[in-house]
Protein backbone atom coordinates (compact mmCIF):
# COMPACT_ATOMS: atom_id res chain seq x y z
CA UNK A 1 0.00 0.00 0.00
CA UNK A 2 2.71 2.56 0.76
CA UNK A 3 4.16 1.96 -2.71
CA UNK A 4 0.79 2.56 -4.34
CA UNK A 5 0.16 5.72 -2.28
CA UNK A 6 3.60 7.14 -3.05
CA UNK A 7 3.26 6.31 -6.75
CA UNK A 8 -0.07 8.15 -6.96
CA UNK A 9 0.35 11.10 -4.60
CA UNK A 10 4.09 11.66 -4.02
CA UNK A 11 5.68 11.15 -7.44
CA UNK A 12 8.29 13.91 -7.15
CA UNK A 13 9.75 12.65 -3.87
CA UNK A 14 8.62 9.05 -4.07
CA UNK A 15 11.84 7.58 -2.66
CA UNK A 16 11.70 9.74 0.45
CA UNK A 17 7.94 9.25 0.89
CA UNK A 18 8.20 5.49 0.47
CA UNK A 19 11.12 5.27 2.92
CA UNK A 20 9.28 7.29 5.58
CA UNK A 21 6.10 5.23 5.18
CA UNK A 22 8.03 1.98 5.41
CA UNK A 23 9.80 3.21 8.55
CA UNK A 24 6.40 3.71 10.18
CA UNK A 25 6.16 -0.08 10.26
CA UNK A 26 8.50 0.16 13.24
CA UNK A 27 5.34 0.90 15.24
CA UNK A 28 5.12 -2.88 15.54
CA UNK A 29 7.88 -2.75 18.13
CA UNK A 30 5.09 -2.67 20.72
CA UNK A 31 4.40 -6.31 19.85
CA UNK A 32 7.50 -7.14 21.90
CA UNK A 33 5.54 -6.19 25.03
CA UNK A 34 2.95 -8.92 24.46
CA UNK A 35 3.09 -12.42 25.86
CA UNK A 36 3.42 -14.38 23.65
CA UNK A 37 5.12 -11.96 21.27
CA UNK A 38 3.33 -13.47 18.28
CA UNK A 39 -0.14 -14.95 18.26
CA UNK A 40 -1.70 -15.58 14.86
CA UNK A 41 -5.22 -15.28 16.25
CA UNK A 42 -4.68 -12.06 18.19
CA UNK A 43 -5.97 -8.77 16.83
CA UNK A 44 -3.40 -5.98 17.16
CA UNK A 45 -5.91 -3.13 17.15
CA UNK A 46 -6.61 -1.96 20.69
CA UNK A 47 -4.40 -4.73 22.13
CA UNK A 48 -0.90 -3.31 21.73
CA UNK A 49 -0.20 0.16 23.20
CA UNK A 50 0.67 1.87 19.91
CA UNK A 51 -2.30 0.21 18.18
CA UNK A 52 -4.94 1.71 20.49
CA UNK A 53 -7.74 4.05 19.53
CA UNK A 54 -6.14 7.15 21.09
CA UNK A 55 -2.80 6.69 19.27
CA UNK A 56 -4.69 5.95 16.03
CA UNK A 57 -6.55 9.26 16.42
CA UNK A 58 -3.15 10.93 16.89
CA UNK A 59 -1.86 9.28 13.72
CA UNK A 60 -4.86 10.65 11.83
CA UNK A 61 -4.08 14.15 13.14
CA UNK A 62 -0.46 13.78 11.99
CA UNK A 63 -1.79 13.15 8.47
CA UNK A 64 -3.13 16.71 8.31
CA UNK A 65 0.06 18.48 9.46
CA UNK A 66 2.35 19.11 6.47
CA UNK A 67 5.64 18.30 8.29
CA UNK A 68 4.31 15.00 9.69
CA UNK A 69 1.96 14.06 6.86
CA UNK A 70 3.99 11.10 5.57
CA UNK A 71 4.40 9.64 9.05
CA UNK A 72 0.69 10.03 9.73
CA UNK A 73 -0.34 8.50 6.43
CA UNK A 74 2.05 5.59 6.92
CA UNK A 75 0.71 4.90 10.41
CA UNK A 76 -2.93 5.20 9.33
CA UNK A 77 -2.29 2.77 6.46
CA UNK A 78 -0.62 0.39 8.91
CA UNK A 79 -3.56 0.51 11.33
CA UNK A 80 -6.08 0.10 8.52
CA UNK A 81 -4.25 -2.97 7.23
CA UNK A 82 -4.04 -4.41 10.75
CA UNK A 83 -7.76 -3.84 11.18
CA UNK A 84 -8.50 -5.58 7.88
CA UNK A 85 -6.28 -8.46 9.02
CA UNK A 86 -8.35 -8.73 12.21
CA UNK A 87 -11.54 -8.92 10.17
CA UNK A 88 -10.16 -11.51 7.77
CA UNK A 89 -8.56 -13.78 10.37
CA UNK A 90 -10.95 -13.39 13.32
CA UNK A 91 -14.11 -11.83 11.96
CA UNK A 92 -13.71 -8.73 14.17
CA UNK A 93 -12.43 -5.21 13.43
CA UNK A 94 -10.62 -4.66 16.74
CA UNK A 95 -9.82 -6.39 20.00
C-alpha atoms as a PDB file:
ATOM      1  CA  UNK A   1       0.000   0.000   0.000  1.00  0.00           C
ATOM      2  CA  UNK A   2       2.712   2.564   0.763  1.00  0.00           C
ATOM      3  CA  UNK A   3       4.164   1.962  -2.714  1.00  0.00           C
ATOM      4  CA  UNK A   4       0.791   2.562  -4.342  1.00  0.00           C
ATOM      5  CA  UNK A   5       0.157   5.717  -2.282  1.00  0.00           C
ATOM      6  CA  UNK A   6       3.600   7.135  -3.051  1.00  0.00           C
ATOM      7  CA  UNK A   7       3.256   6.313  -6.750  1.00  0.00           C
ATOM      8  CA  UNK A   8      -0.071   8.150  -6.959  1.00  0.00           C
ATOM      9  CA  UNK A   9       0.352  11.103  -4.601  1.00  0.00           C
ATOM     10  CA  UNK A  10       4.089  11.658  -4.015  1.00  0.00           C
ATOM     11  CA  UNK A  11       5.681  11.152  -7.435  1.00  0.00           C
ATOM     12  CA  UNK A  12       8.289  13.907  -7.151  1.00  0.00           C
ATOM     13  CA  UNK A  13       9.749  12.650  -3.874  1.00  0.00           C
ATOM     14  CA  UNK A  14       8.617   9.054  -4.071  1.00  0.00           C
ATOM     15  CA  UNK A  15      11.839   7.575  -2.663  1.00  0.00           C
ATOM     16  CA  UNK A  16      11.697   9.740   0.453  1.00  0.00           C
ATOM     17  CA  UNK A  17       7.941   9.252   0.887  1.00  0.00           C
ATOM     18  CA  UNK A  18       8.204   5.493   0.467  1.00  0.00           C
ATOM     19  CA  UNK A  19      11.115   5.275   2.924  1.00  0.00           C
ATOM     20  CA  UNK A  20       9.276   7.288   5.585  1.00  0.00           C
ATOM     21  CA  UNK A  21       6.105   5.227   5.179  1.00  0.00           C
ATOM     22  CA  UNK A  22       8.031   1.980   5.407  1.00  0.00           C
ATOM     23  CA  UNK A  23       9.802   3.212   8.548  1.00  0.00           C
ATOM     24  CA  UNK A  24       6.404   3.706  10.175  1.00  0.00           C
ATOM     25  CA  UNK A  25       6.159  -0.083  10.261  1.00  0.00           C
ATOM     26  CA  UNK A  26       8.504   0.156  13.242  1.00  0.00           C
ATOM     27  CA  UNK A  27       5.342   0.903  15.242  1.00  0.00           C
ATOM     28  CA  UNK A  28       5.116  -2.881  15.540  1.00  0.00           C
ATOM     29  CA  UNK A  29       7.883  -2.752  18.135  1.00  0.00           C
ATOM     30  CA  UNK A  30       5.089  -2.672  20.719  1.00  0.00           C
ATOM     31  CA  UNK A  31       4.402  -6.314  19.850  1.00  0.00           C
ATOM     32  CA  UNK A  32       7.496  -7.139  21.898  1.00  0.00           C
ATOM     33  CA  UNK A  33       5.537  -6.189  25.028  1.00  0.00           C
ATOM     34  CA  UNK A  34       2.952  -8.920  24.460  1.00  0.00           C
ATOM     35  CA  UNK A  35       3.089 -12.420  25.859  1.00  0.00           C
ATOM     36  CA  UNK A  36       3.422 -14.384  23.654  1.00  0.00           C
ATOM     37  CA  UNK A  37       5.117 -11.956  21.274  1.00  0.00           C
ATOM     38  CA  UNK A  38       3.326 -13.472  18.276  1.00  0.00           C
ATOM     39  CA  UNK A  39      -0.138 -14.947  18.264  1.00  0.00           C
ATOM     40  CA  UNK A  40      -1.696 -15.578  14.864  1.00  0.00           C
ATOM     41  CA  UNK A  41      -5.219 -15.284  16.252  1.00  0.00           C
ATOM     42  CA  UNK A  42      -4.681 -12.061  18.191  1.00  0.00           C
ATOM     43  CA  UNK A  43      -5.968  -8.769  16.829  1.00  0.00           C
ATOM     44  CA  UNK A  44      -3.405  -5.978  17.158  1.00  0.00           C
ATOM     45  CA  UNK A  45      -5.912  -3.131  17.149  1.00  0.00           C
ATOM     46  CA  UNK A  46      -6.606  -1.963  20.693  1.00  0.00           C
ATOM     47  CA  UNK A  47      -4.399  -4.728  22.127  1.00  0.00           C
ATOM     48  CA  UNK A  48      -0.898  -3.313  21.727  1.00  0.00           C
ATOM     49  CA  UNK A  49      -0.201   0.158  23.203  1.00  0.00           C
ATOM     50  CA  UNK A  50       0.675   1.865  19.909  1.00  0.00           C
ATOM     51  CA  UNK A  51      -2.300   0.209  18.183  1.00  0.00           C
ATOM     52  CA  UNK A  52      -4.941   1.713  20.495  1.00  0.00           C
ATOM     53  CA  UNK A  53      -7.740   4.053  19.526  1.00  0.00           C
ATOM     54  CA  UNK A  54      -6.138   7.151  21.087  1.00  0.00           C
ATOM     55  CA  UNK A  55      -2.805   6.689  19.272  1.00  0.00           C
ATOM     56  CA  UNK A  56      -4.689   5.953  16.034  1.00  0.00           C
ATOM     57  CA  UNK A  57      -6.546   9.260  16.423  1.00  0.00           C
ATOM     58  CA  UNK A  58      -3.154  10.930  16.888  1.00  0.00           C
ATOM     59  CA  UNK A  59      -1.863   9.283  13.716  1.00  0.00           C
ATOM     60  CA  UNK A  60      -4.864  10.651  11.835  1.00  0.00           C
ATOM     61  CA  UNK A  61      -4.078  14.151  13.135  1.00  0.00           C
ATOM     62  CA  UNK A  62      -0.458  13.779  11.992  1.00  0.00           C
ATOM     63  CA  UNK A  63      -1.786  13.152   8.475  1.00  0.00           C
ATOM     64  CA  UNK A  64      -3.128  16.714   8.307  1.00  0.00           C
ATOM     65  CA  UNK A  65       0.060  18.476   9.455  1.00  0.00           C
ATOM     66  CA  UNK A  66       2.352  19.109   6.471  1.00  0.00           C
ATOM     67  CA  UNK A  67       5.636  18.300   8.293  1.00  0.00           C
ATOM     68  CA  UNK A  68       4.306  14.999   9.690  1.00  0.00           C
ATOM     69  CA  UNK A  69       1.959  14.055   6.856  1.00  0.00           C
ATOM     70  CA  UNK A  70       3.993  11.102   5.571  1.00  0.00           C
ATOM     71  CA  UNK A  71       4.399   9.643   9.050  1.00  0.00           C
ATOM     72  CA  UNK A  72       0.690  10.031   9.734  1.00  0.00           C
ATOM     73  CA  UNK A  73      -0.342   8.503   6.428  1.00  0.00           C
ATOM     74  CA  UNK A  74       2.048   5.587   6.915  1.00  0.00           C
ATOM     75  CA  UNK A  75       0.707   4.904  10.407  1.00  0.00           C
ATOM     76  CA  UNK A  76      -2.929   5.198   9.334  1.00  0.00           C
ATOM     77  CA  UNK A  77      -2.293   2.774   6.460  1.00  0.00           C
ATOM     78  CA  UNK A  78      -0.619   0.387   8.907  1.00  0.00           C
ATOM     79  CA  UNK A  79      -3.557   0.514  11.332  1.00  0.00           C
ATOM     80  CA  UNK A  80      -6.085   0.100   8.521  1.00  0.00           C
ATOM     81  CA  UNK A  81      -4.252  -2.972   7.233  1.00  0.00           C
ATOM     82  CA  UNK A  82      -4.035  -4.409  10.755  1.00  0.00           C
ATOM     83  CA  UNK A  83      -7.763  -3.841  11.181  1.00  0.00           C
ATOM     84  CA  UNK A  84      -8.504  -5.582   7.884  1.00  0.00           C
ATOM     85  CA  UNK A  85      -6.281  -8.464   9.016  1.00  0.00           C
ATOM     86  CA  UNK A  86      -8.347  -8.729  12.213  1.00  0.00           C
ATOM     87  CA  UNK A  87     -11.538  -8.919  10.172  1.00  0.00           C
ATOM     88  CA  UNK A  88     -10.156 -11.513   7.768  1.00  0.00           C
ATOM     89  CA  UNK A  89      -8.565 -13.782  10.371  1.00  0.00           C
ATOM     90  CA  UNK A  90     -10.946 -13.389  13.321  1.00  0.00           C
ATOM     91  CA  UNK A  91     -14.114 -11.831  11.961  1.00  0.00           C
ATOM     92  CA  UNK A  92     -13.708  -8.729  14.172  1.00  0.00           C
ATOM     93  CA  UNK A  93     -12.426  -5.214  13.430  1.00  0.00           C
ATOM     94  CA  UNK A  94     -10.623  -4.661  16.738  1.00  0.00           C
ATOM     95  CA  UNK A  95      -9.825  -6.388  19.998  1.00  0.00           C
END
